[in-house]
Amino acid sequence: MLNIGIILGSTRPGRNGEAVARWVTDIAKKRNDAHYELVDLADFNLPLLDEPIPASMGQYSKPHTIAWSQKINSFDGFVFVTPEYNHATSGALKNAVDYLFHEWKDKAAGFVGYGGSGGARAIENLRLIAGELHMADVRAQVGLSLMTDFENFSVFKPAAHHEASVNTMLDQVIAWSGALKALR
């Protein structure tokens, strides 16, 4: 069975992403096509990139990097749940991605964004990063608006139609994750 990590890409206190990531995880766990696990960046407490050797060399020296590497390496594909901060993904998620290289390679990536424009620019930012890391980003994505899917910009109340979008994105992540497994 495939293992898919749902990565909560915000560590901000009072973050909206926790409710979004749990919602995505709840939808995913209704399926029987993979094992889905929520991965909260806050649980890893990664400082600003502090490895002395580039990630592409795979020579990690810090215990937090080794733990992060082992967790990410255990997955066949990912769903990134990202806020949009200033037309990009969060600094915490970018930092966490940059800690590693080979652990991302030949794996699928799906995206759920939230923000003023549904997180569209954060997702586009992550698509560029995924390409550099040899990840296959899937076409379907989920965009959640702070104006319409959150009450008072903080209480998550997604429109019902978003569940179908999550499932379409997960269908593509599963298909690509299975296909790419042969390359690893």
N, C-alpha and C. Protein backbone atom coordinates (compact mmCIF):
# COMPACT_ATOMS: atom_id res chain seq x y z
N MET A 1 0.84 -1.18 0.00
CA MET A 1 0.00 0.00 0.00
C MET A 1 0.88 1.24 0.00
N LEU A 2 0.47 2.25 -0.73
CA LEU A 2 1.21 3.51 -0.80
C LEU A 2 1.07 4.29 0.50
N ASN A 3 2.11 5.05 0.82
CA ASN A 3 2.10 5.94 1.97
C ASN A 3 2.15 7.38 1.48
N ILE A 4 1.16 8.16 1.88
CA ILE A 4 1.05 9.55 1.45
C ILE A 4 1.12 10.46 2.67
N GLY A 5 2.05 11.40 2.65
CA GLY A 5 2.19 12.37 3.72
C GLY A 5 1.41 13.63 3.39
N ILE A 6 0.59 14.06 4.32
CA ILE A 6 -0.14 15.33 4.19
C ILE A 6 0.60 16.33 5.07
N ILE A 7 1.35 17.21 4.44
CA ILE A 7 2.26 18.10 5.15
C ILE A 7 1.59 19.44 5.47
N LEU A 8 1.46 19.71 6.74
CA LEU A 8 0.92 20.97 7.22
C LEU A 8 2.03 22.00 7.17
N GLY A 9 1.94 22.94 6.24
CA GLY A 9 3.03 23.84 5.91
C GLY A 9 3.06 25.17 6.63
N SER A 10 2.43 25.26 7.80
CA SER A 10 2.50 26.48 8.58
C SER A 10 2.82 26.13 10.02
N THR A 11 3.64 26.96 10.63
CA THR A 11 3.95 26.80 12.06
C THR A 11 3.49 28.03 12.85
N ARG A 12 2.82 28.93 12.20
CA ARG A 12 2.38 30.19 12.83
C ARG A 12 1.40 29.92 13.97
N PRO A 13 1.56 30.59 15.10
CA PRO A 13 0.57 30.45 16.18
C PRO A 13 -0.81 30.88 15.68
N GLY A 14 -1.84 30.12 16.04
CA GLY A 14 -3.19 30.43 15.60
C GLY A 14 -3.44 30.15 14.13
N ARG A 15 -2.61 29.34 13.53
CA ARG A 15 -2.67 29.06 12.09
C ARG A 15 -4.00 28.45 11.66
N ASN A 16 -4.45 28.84 10.47
CA ASN A 16 -5.64 28.25 9.85
C ASN A 16 -5.32 26.89 9.25
N GLY A 17 -4.08 26.65 8.97
CA GLY A 17 -3.67 25.43 8.28
C GLY A 17 -3.96 24.16 9.03
N GLU A 18 -3.98 24.21 10.35
CA GLU A 18 -4.23 22.99 11.11
C GLU A 18 -5.63 22.45 10.82
N ALA A 19 -6.63 23.31 10.80
CA ALA A 19 -7.99 22.87 10.48
C ALA A 19 -8.08 22.36 9.04
N VAL A 20 -7.39 23.04 8.13
CA VAL A 20 -7.40 22.63 6.72
C VAL A 20 -6.74 21.26 6.57
N ALA A 21 -5.58 21.08 7.18
CA ALA A 21 -4.85 19.81 7.05
C ALA A 21 -5.64 18.66 7.68
N ARG A 22 -6.28 18.90 8.79
CA ARG A 22 -7.10 17.84 9.42
C ARG A 22 -8.31 17.49 8.55
N TRP A 23 -8.90 18.48 7.91
CA TRP A 23 -10.01 18.26 6.99
C TRP A 23 -9.56 17.41 5.81
N VAL A 24 -8.42 17.75 5.22
CA VAL A 24 -7.88 16.96 4.10
C VAL A 24 -7.60 15.53 4.56
N THR A 25 -7.00 15.39 5.73
CA THR A 25 -6.69 14.06 6.27
C THR A 25 -7.95 13.25 6.51
N ASP A 26 -8.99 13.88 7.04
CA ASP A 26 -10.26 13.18 7.27
C ASP A 26 -10.87 12.69 5.95
N ILE A 27 -10.81 13.50 4.92
CA ILE A 27 -11.31 13.09 3.60
C ILE A 27 -10.47 11.93 3.09
N ALA A 28 -9.17 12.05 3.19
CA ALA A 28 -8.26 11.01 2.68
C ALA A 28 -8.48 9.68 3.39
N LYS A 29 -8.70 9.73 4.68
CA LYS A 29 -8.85 8.49 5.45
C LYS A 29 -10.16 7.76 5.18
N LYS A 30 -11.08 8.38 4.46
CA LYS A 30 -12.31 7.69 4.02
C LYS A 30 -12.02 6.78 2.83
N ARG A 31 -10.86 6.96 2.22
CA ARG A 31 -10.46 6.19 1.05
C ARG A 31 -9.73 4.92 1.50
N ASN A 32 -9.60 3.97 0.59
CA ASN A 32 -8.88 2.74 0.93
C ASN A 32 -7.73 2.46 -0.05
N ASP A 33 -7.21 3.51 -0.69
CA ASP A 33 -6.18 3.33 -1.71
C ASP A 33 -4.76 3.61 -1.22
N ALA A 34 -4.62 4.07 0.02
CA ALA A 34 -3.29 4.38 0.55
C ALA A 34 -3.40 4.59 2.06
N HIS A 35 -2.24 4.63 2.68
CA HIS A 35 -2.16 5.03 4.08
C HIS A 35 -1.83 6.53 4.06
N TYR A 36 -2.63 7.31 4.75
CA TYR A 36 -2.44 8.76 4.80
C TYR A 36 -2.02 9.17 6.20
N GLU A 37 -1.02 10.05 6.28
CA GLU A 37 -0.53 10.51 7.57
C GLU A 37 -0.34 12.02 7.56
N LEU A 38 -0.88 12.67 8.55
CA LEU A 38 -0.67 14.11 8.71
C LEU A 38 0.71 14.34 9.32
N VAL A 39 1.49 15.20 8.67
CA VAL A 39 2.84 15.54 9.12
C VAL A 39 2.83 17.05 9.41
N ASP A 40 2.96 17.38 10.67
CA ASP A 40 2.92 18.77 11.11
C ASP A 40 4.35 19.29 11.25
N LEU A 41 4.70 20.30 10.46
CA LEU A 41 6.05 20.87 10.54
C LEU A 41 6.39 21.33 11.96
N ALA A 42 5.41 21.77 12.69
CA ALA A 42 5.66 22.25 14.05
C ALA A 42 6.22 21.15 14.94
N ASP A 43 5.91 19.90 14.64
CA ASP A 43 6.42 18.78 15.44
C ASP A 43 7.91 18.53 15.22
N PHE A 44 8.46 19.07 14.15
CA PHE A 44 9.87 18.82 13.82
C PHE A 44 10.79 19.96 14.25
N ASN A 45 10.22 21.12 14.51
CA ASN A 45 10.99 22.25 15.04
C ASN A 45 12.30 22.46 14.29
N LEU A 46 12.20 22.56 12.98
CA LEU A 46 13.40 22.75 12.16
C LEU A 46 13.86 24.20 12.21
N PRO A 47 15.08 24.46 12.66
CA PRO A 47 15.58 25.84 12.63
C PRO A 47 15.83 26.25 11.18
N LEU A 48 16.12 27.53 11.00
CA LEU A 48 16.49 27.98 9.66
C LEU A 48 17.66 27.13 9.20
N LEU A 49 17.58 26.64 8.00
CA LEU A 49 18.51 25.65 7.47
C LEU A 49 19.91 25.79 8.08
N ASP A 50 20.29 24.76 8.81
CA ASP A 50 21.57 24.82 9.54
C ASP A 50 22.51 23.67 9.23
N GLU A 51 22.26 22.97 8.14
CA GLU A 51 23.18 21.90 7.73
C GLU A 51 24.35 22.51 6.97
N PRO A 52 25.58 22.15 7.29
CA PRO A 52 26.73 22.75 6.62
C PRO A 52 26.97 22.23 5.20
N ILE A 53 26.41 21.08 4.85
CA ILE A 53 26.63 20.49 3.53
C ILE A 53 25.30 20.52 2.78
N PRO A 54 25.30 20.85 1.49
CA PRO A 54 24.06 20.91 0.73
C PRO A 54 23.27 19.59 0.80
N ALA A 55 21.95 19.72 0.81
CA ALA A 55 21.07 18.55 0.93
C ALA A 55 21.29 17.54 -0.19
N SER A 56 21.68 18.00 -1.36
CA SER A 56 21.89 17.09 -2.48
C SER A 56 22.99 16.07 -2.21
N MET A 57 23.84 16.34 -1.23
CA MET A 57 24.90 15.40 -0.88
C MET A 57 24.41 14.31 0.08
N GLY A 58 23.28 14.54 0.75
CA GLY A 58 22.71 13.54 1.64
C GLY A 58 23.53 13.24 2.88
N GLN A 59 24.37 14.18 3.28
CA GLN A 59 25.25 13.97 4.44
C GLN A 59 24.77 14.85 5.60
N TYR A 60 23.73 14.39 6.28
CA TYR A 60 23.12 15.18 7.33
C TYR A 60 23.86 15.00 8.65
N SER A 61 24.02 16.09 9.39
CA SER A 61 24.77 16.04 10.64
C SER A 61 23.91 16.37 11.86
N LYS A 62 22.74 16.91 11.66
CA LYS A 62 21.90 17.36 12.78
C LYS A 62 20.80 16.33 13.05
N PRO A 63 20.53 16.03 14.32
CA PRO A 63 19.47 15.06 14.65
C PRO A 63 18.11 15.44 14.08
N HIS A 64 17.78 16.75 14.06
CA HIS A 64 16.48 17.15 13.52
C HIS A 64 16.41 16.89 12.01
N THR A 65 17.50 17.04 11.31
CA THR A 65 17.51 16.76 9.87
C THR A 65 17.37 15.27 9.62
N ILE A 66 18.05 14.47 10.40
CA ILE A 66 17.97 13.01 10.24
C ILE A 66 16.55 12.53 10.50
N ALA A 67 15.90 13.05 11.54
CA ALA A 67 14.50 12.67 11.84
C ALA A 67 13.57 13.10 10.71
N TRP A 68 13.77 14.32 10.20
CA TRP A 68 12.96 14.84 9.09
C TRP A 68 13.19 13.99 7.84
N SER A 69 14.43 13.65 7.55
CA SER A 69 14.76 12.82 6.41
C SER A 69 14.07 11.46 6.49
N GLN A 70 14.13 10.83 7.64
CA GLN A 70 13.51 9.52 7.80
C GLN A 70 11.99 9.60 7.61
N LYS A 71 11.38 10.64 8.13
CA LYS A 71 9.92 10.79 7.98
C LYS A 71 9.56 10.97 6.51
N ILE A 72 10.21 11.89 5.83
CA ILE A 72 9.87 12.18 4.43
C ILE A 72 10.21 10.99 3.54
N ASN A 73 11.30 10.32 3.82
CA ASN A 73 11.69 9.16 3.02
C ASN A 73 10.68 8.02 3.11
N SER A 74 9.88 7.99 4.16
CA SER A 74 8.90 6.91 4.36
C SER A 74 7.67 7.03 3.46
N PHE A 75 7.55 8.14 2.74
CA PHE A 75 6.36 8.38 1.93
C PHE A 75 6.61 8.15 0.44
N ASP A 76 5.53 7.80 -0.25
CA ASP A 76 5.55 7.63 -1.72
C ASP A 76 5.07 8.88 -2.44
N GLY A 77 4.38 9.74 -1.74
CA GLY A 77 3.84 10.96 -2.32
C GLY A 77 3.37 11.88 -1.22
N PHE A 78 2.98 13.10 -1.64
CA PHE A 78 2.66 14.13 -0.66
C PHE A 78 1.49 14.98 -1.09
N VAL A 79 0.82 15.53 -0.09
CA VAL A 79 -0.12 16.63 -0.27
C VAL A 79 0.41 17.75 0.61
N PHE A 80 0.72 18.86 0.00
CA PHE A 80 1.21 20.02 0.73
C PHE A 80 0.04 20.95 1.02
N VAL A 81 -0.20 21.23 2.29
CA VAL A 81 -1.23 22.18 2.70
C VAL A 81 -0.49 23.47 3.03
N THR A 82 -0.69 24.48 2.19
CA THR A 82 0.11 25.69 2.31
C THR A 82 -0.72 26.95 2.43
N PRO A 83 -0.31 27.83 3.33
CA PRO A 83 -0.88 29.17 3.32
C PRO A 83 -0.22 29.98 2.22
N GLU A 84 -0.83 31.09 1.89
CA GLU A 84 -0.16 32.02 0.98
C GLU A 84 0.25 33.24 1.78
N TYR A 85 1.55 33.45 1.87
CA TYR A 85 2.09 34.63 2.53
C TYR A 85 2.85 35.43 1.47
N ASN A 86 2.41 36.64 1.20
CA ASN A 86 3.11 37.53 0.27
C ASN A 86 3.40 36.87 -1.08
N HIS A 87 2.38 36.26 -1.66
CA HIS A 87 2.45 35.64 -2.99
C HIS A 87 3.34 34.40 -3.04
N ALA A 88 3.58 33.75 -1.91
CA ALA A 88 4.43 32.55 -1.91
C ALA A 88 3.99 31.63 -0.77
N THR A 89 4.64 30.47 -0.72
CA THR A 89 4.39 29.55 0.38
C THR A 89 5.02 30.12 1.66
N SER A 90 4.78 29.47 2.76
CA SER A 90 5.34 29.93 4.03
C SER A 90 6.85 29.70 4.08
N GLY A 91 7.53 30.54 4.81
CA GLY A 91 8.97 30.35 5.01
C GLY A 91 9.27 29.03 5.70
N ALA A 92 8.40 28.63 6.61
CA ALA A 92 8.60 27.36 7.33
C ALA A 92 8.56 26.17 6.38
N LEU A 93 7.62 26.19 5.45
CA LEU A 93 7.52 25.07 4.50
C LEU A 93 8.69 25.09 3.52
N LYS A 94 9.06 26.24 3.04
CA LYS A 94 10.21 26.34 2.12
C LYS A 94 11.47 25.85 2.82
N ASN A 95 11.66 26.25 4.07
CA ASN A 95 12.81 25.81 4.84
C ASN A 95 12.81 24.29 4.99
N ALA A 96 11.66 23.72 5.34
CA ALA A 96 11.57 22.26 5.55
C ALA A 96 11.86 21.50 4.26
N VAL A 97 11.36 22.01 3.15
CA VAL A 97 11.63 21.35 1.87
C VAL A 97 13.12 21.43 1.55
N ASP A 98 13.73 22.57 1.79
CA ASP A 98 15.14 22.77 1.44
C ASP A 98 16.10 21.93 2.28
N TYR A 99 15.66 21.42 3.41
CA TYR A 99 16.52 20.57 4.22
C TYR A 99 16.92 19.29 3.51
N LEU A 100 16.09 18.85 2.55
CA LEU A 100 16.28 17.53 1.92
C LEU A 100 16.36 17.66 0.41
N PHE A 101 16.77 16.59 -0.24
CA PHE A 101 16.76 16.55 -1.70
C PHE A 101 16.29 15.19 -2.19
N HIS A 102 17.08 14.17 -1.98
CA HIS A 102 16.78 12.84 -2.53
C HIS A 102 15.48 12.27 -1.97
N GLU A 103 15.11 12.65 -0.77
CA GLU A 103 13.90 12.13 -0.15
C GLU A 103 12.63 12.55 -0.88
N TRP A 104 12.69 13.64 -1.64
CA TRP A 104 11.54 14.12 -2.42
C TRP A 104 11.50 13.52 -3.83
N LYS A 105 12.64 13.07 -4.30
CA LYS A 105 12.80 12.69 -5.71
C LYS A 105 11.88 11.54 -6.12
N ASP A 106 11.32 11.66 -7.32
CA ASP A 106 10.47 10.64 -7.94
C ASP A 106 9.24 10.31 -7.08
N LYS A 107 8.67 11.33 -6.51
CA LYS A 107 7.45 11.19 -5.73
C LYS A 107 6.44 12.22 -6.23
N ALA A 108 5.17 11.94 -6.03
CA ALA A 108 4.11 12.83 -6.49
C ALA A 108 3.81 13.90 -5.45
N ALA A 109 3.33 15.04 -5.92
CA ALA A 109 2.95 16.13 -5.04
C ALA A 109 1.62 16.72 -5.47
N GLY A 110 0.71 16.81 -4.52
CA GLY A 110 -0.56 17.52 -4.70
C GLY A 110 -0.57 18.71 -3.75
N PHE A 111 -1.50 19.65 -4.01
CA PHE A 111 -1.47 20.90 -3.25
C PHE A 111 -2.86 21.35 -2.83
N VAL A 112 -2.92 21.82 -1.60
CA VAL A 112 -4.10 22.48 -1.05
C VAL A 112 -3.61 23.82 -0.53
N GLY A 113 -4.12 24.91 -1.10
CA GLY A 113 -3.70 26.23 -0.68
C GLY A 113 -4.86 26.99 -0.08
N TYR A 114 -4.51 27.93 0.79
CA TYR A 114 -5.54 28.81 1.34
C TYR A 114 -4.96 30.21 1.50
N GLY A 115 -5.83 31.18 1.29
CA GLY A 115 -5.41 32.57 1.39
C GLY A 115 -6.40 33.47 0.69
N GLY A 116 -6.01 34.71 0.49
CA GLY A 116 -6.88 35.69 -0.15
C GLY A 116 -7.26 35.31 -1.57
N SER A 117 -6.37 34.64 -2.28
CA SER A 117 -6.67 34.19 -3.64
C SER A 117 -6.67 32.66 -3.72
N GLY A 118 -7.10 32.03 -2.65
CA GLY A 118 -7.17 30.58 -2.63
C GLY A 118 -5.81 29.90 -2.56
N GLY A 119 -4.79 30.64 -2.20
CA GLY A 119 -3.46 30.07 -2.12
C GLY A 119 -2.83 29.76 -3.46
N ALA A 120 -3.40 30.30 -4.54
CA ALA A 120 -2.94 29.96 -5.90
C ALA A 120 -1.47 30.29 -6.13
N ARG A 121 -1.03 31.43 -5.64
CA ARG A 121 0.37 31.81 -5.88
C ARG A 121 1.33 30.98 -5.04
N ALA A 122 0.90 30.59 -3.83
CA ALA A 122 1.72 29.71 -3.00
C ALA A 122 1.87 28.35 -3.68
N ILE A 123 0.79 27.87 -4.26
CA ILE A 123 0.84 26.59 -4.97
C ILE A 123 1.76 26.69 -6.17
N GLU A 124 1.66 27.76 -6.93
CA GLU A 124 2.54 27.94 -8.09
C GLU A 124 4.00 27.99 -7.64
N ASN A 125 4.27 28.65 -6.53
CA ASN A 125 5.61 28.70 -5.97
C ASN A 125 6.10 27.29 -5.65
N LEU A 126 5.25 26.48 -5.03
CA LEU A 126 5.63 25.10 -4.69
C LEU A 126 5.81 24.23 -5.93
N ARG A 127 5.04 24.49 -6.97
CA ARG A 127 5.21 23.71 -8.22
C ARG A 127 6.62 23.91 -8.79
N LEU A 128 7.11 25.13 -8.75
CA LEU A 128 8.47 25.39 -9.24
C LEU A 128 9.50 24.64 -8.40
N ILE A 129 9.33 24.65 -7.10
CA ILE A 129 10.24 23.96 -6.20
C ILE A 129 10.17 22.45 -6.44
N ALA A 130 8.95 21.93 -6.58
CA ALA A 130 8.77 20.49 -6.80
C ALA A 130 9.49 20.04 -8.08
N GLY A 131 9.40 20.83 -9.12
CA GLY A 131 10.09 20.49 -10.37
C GLY A 131 11.59 20.38 -10.19
N GLU A 132 12.17 21.29 -9.45
CA GLU A 132 13.61 21.25 -9.20
C GLU A 132 14.01 20.02 -8.41
N LEU A 133 13.10 19.51 -7.58
CA LEU A 133 13.38 18.35 -6.75
C LEU A 133 12.98 17.03 -7.41
N HIS A 134 12.65 17.07 -8.69
CA HIS A 134 12.26 15.89 -9.46
C HIS A 134 10.97 15.25 -8.92
N MET A 135 10.07 16.10 -8.43
CA MET A 135 8.76 15.62 -8.00
C MET A 135 7.79 15.82 -9.15
N ALA A 136 6.79 14.94 -9.21
CA ALA A 136 5.74 15.07 -10.22
C ALA A 136 4.55 15.76 -9.57
N ASP A 137 4.35 17.02 -9.90
CA ASP A 137 3.21 17.73 -9.33
C ASP A 137 1.97 17.45 -10.17
N VAL A 138 0.88 17.14 -9.50
CA VAL A 138 -0.35 16.79 -10.20
C VAL A 138 -1.11 18.06 -10.56
N ARG A 139 -1.94 17.94 -11.58
CA ARG A 139 -2.65 19.10 -12.10
C ARG A 139 -3.74 19.60 -11.16
N ALA A 140 -4.54 18.69 -10.63
CA ALA A 140 -5.65 19.09 -9.76
C ALA A 140 -5.10 19.69 -8.47
N GLN A 141 -5.73 20.76 -8.03
CA GLN A 141 -5.33 21.40 -6.79
C GLN A 141 -6.59 21.92 -6.11
N VAL A 142 -6.46 22.24 -4.84
CA VAL A 142 -7.59 22.75 -4.06
C VAL A 142 -7.23 24.14 -3.57
N GLY A 143 -8.06 25.10 -3.87
CA GLY A 143 -7.86 26.48 -3.43
C GLY A 143 -8.99 26.91 -2.51
N LEU A 144 -8.62 27.33 -1.31
CA LEU A 144 -9.60 27.74 -0.30
C LEU A 144 -9.43 29.22 -0.01
N SER A 145 -10.52 29.95 -0.07
CA SER A 145 -10.49 31.40 0.10
C SER A 145 -10.75 31.79 1.55
N LEU A 146 -9.92 32.69 2.06
CA LEU A 146 -10.15 33.22 3.39
C LEU A 146 -11.48 33.97 3.46
N MET A 147 -11.96 34.47 2.32
CA MET A 147 -13.21 35.23 2.30
C MET A 147 -14.46 34.35 2.34
N THR A 148 -14.39 33.19 1.68
CA THR A 148 -15.61 32.38 1.55
C THR A 148 -15.55 31.04 2.28
N ASP A 149 -14.37 30.54 2.59
CA ASP A 149 -14.25 29.24 3.24
C ASP A 149 -13.86 29.35 4.72
N PHE A 150 -13.74 30.56 5.21
CA PHE A 150 -13.44 30.82 6.61
C PHE A 150 -14.40 31.89 7.12
N GLU A 151 -14.93 31.66 8.30
CA GLU A 151 -15.76 32.67 8.95
C GLU A 151 -14.83 33.59 9.73
N ASN A 152 -14.98 34.89 9.53
CA ASN A 152 -14.11 35.88 10.18
C ASN A 152 -12.62 35.60 9.92
N PHE A 153 -12.32 35.05 8.77
CA PHE A 153 -10.95 34.75 8.34
C PHE A 153 -10.24 33.74 9.23
N SER A 154 -10.95 33.06 10.14
CA SER A 154 -10.26 32.17 11.06
C SER A 154 -10.98 30.85 11.36
N VAL A 155 -12.27 30.78 11.21
CA VAL A 155 -13.01 29.55 11.49
C VAL A 155 -13.26 28.84 10.16
N PHE A 156 -12.65 27.69 9.98
CA PHE A 156 -12.70 26.98 8.71
C PHE A 156 -14.07 26.35 8.49
N LYS A 157 -14.73 26.77 7.42
CA LYS A 157 -16.03 26.24 7.02
C LYS A 157 -16.03 26.10 5.50
N PRO A 158 -15.38 25.05 4.99
CA PRO A 158 -15.24 24.91 3.54
C PRO A 158 -16.58 24.64 2.85
N ALA A 159 -16.71 25.17 1.66
CA ALA A 159 -17.88 24.88 0.84
C ALA A 159 -17.87 23.38 0.51
N ALA A 160 -19.03 22.80 0.42
CA ALA A 160 -19.18 21.35 0.22
C ALA A 160 -18.47 20.85 -1.04
N HIS A 161 -18.46 21.66 -2.09
CA HIS A 161 -17.87 21.21 -3.36
C HIS A 161 -16.36 20.96 -3.27
N HIS A 162 -15.71 21.49 -2.26
CA HIS A 162 -14.26 21.29 -2.14
C HIS A 162 -13.88 19.84 -1.87
N GLU A 163 -14.77 19.08 -1.25
CA GLU A 163 -14.44 17.68 -0.97
C GLU A 163 -14.19 16.90 -2.27
N ALA A 164 -14.99 17.16 -3.29
CA ALA A 164 -14.78 16.50 -4.59
C ALA A 164 -13.43 16.90 -5.17
N SER A 165 -13.04 18.17 -5.00
CA SER A 165 -11.75 18.62 -5.50
C SER A 165 -10.59 17.93 -4.77
N VAL A 166 -10.74 17.73 -3.46
CA VAL A 166 -9.71 17.02 -2.70
C VAL A 166 -9.58 15.60 -3.24
N ASN A 167 -10.71 14.94 -3.46
CA ASN A 167 -10.65 13.56 -3.96
C ASN A 167 -10.07 13.46 -5.36
N THR A 168 -10.36 14.42 -6.21
CA THR A 168 -9.76 14.43 -7.55
C THR A 168 -8.25 14.59 -7.45
N MET A 169 -7.80 15.51 -6.60
CA MET A 169 -6.36 15.70 -6.40
C MET A 169 -5.73 14.43 -5.84
N LEU A 170 -6.38 13.80 -4.86
CA LEU A 170 -5.84 12.56 -4.28
C LEU A 170 -5.80 11.43 -5.31
N ASP A 171 -6.80 11.34 -6.18
CA ASP A 171 -6.77 10.34 -7.25
C ASP A 171 -5.49 10.49 -8.08
N GLN A 172 -5.14 11.72 -8.41
CA GLN A 172 -3.95 11.97 -9.22
C GLN A 172 -2.67 11.70 -8.43
N VAL A 173 -2.65 12.08 -7.17
CA VAL A 173 -1.46 11.81 -6.33
C VAL A 173 -1.24 10.31 -6.23
N ILE A 174 -2.31 9.55 -6.03
CA ILE A 174 -2.19 8.09 -5.92
C ILE A 174 -1.70 7.49 -7.24
N ALA A 175 -2.28 7.90 -8.34
CA ALA A 175 -1.87 7.37 -9.65
C ALA A 175 -0.39 7.62 -9.90
N TRP A 176 0.05 8.85 -9.70
CA TRP A 176 1.45 9.21 -9.95
C TRP A 176 2.38 8.57 -8.93
N SER A 177 1.96 8.49 -7.68
CA SER A 177 2.81 7.85 -6.66
C SER A 177 3.06 6.40 -6.99
N GLY A 178 2.03 5.72 -7.44
CA GLY A 178 2.19 4.32 -7.83
C GLY A 178 3.09 4.17 -9.04
N ALA A 179 2.91 5.03 -10.03
CA ALA A 179 3.72 4.95 -11.24
C ALA A 179 5.19 5.26 -10.97
N LEU A 180 5.43 6.22 -10.08
CA LEU A 180 6.81 6.63 -9.81
C LEU A 180 7.54 5.67 -8.88
N LYS A 181 6.83 4.83 -8.19
CA LYS A 181 7.47 3.89 -7.26
C LYS A 181 8.50 3.03 -7.98
N ALA A 182 8.24 2.70 -9.24
CA ALA A 182 9.17 1.87 -10.02
C ALA A 182 10.52 2.58 -10.25
N LEU A 183 10.52 3.91 -10.22
CA LEU A 183 11.76 4.65 -10.43
C LEU A 183 12.64 4.70 -9.19
N ARG A 184 12.04 4.44 -8.04
CA ARG A 184 12.81 4.53 -6.79
C ARG A 184 13.37 3.20 -6.47
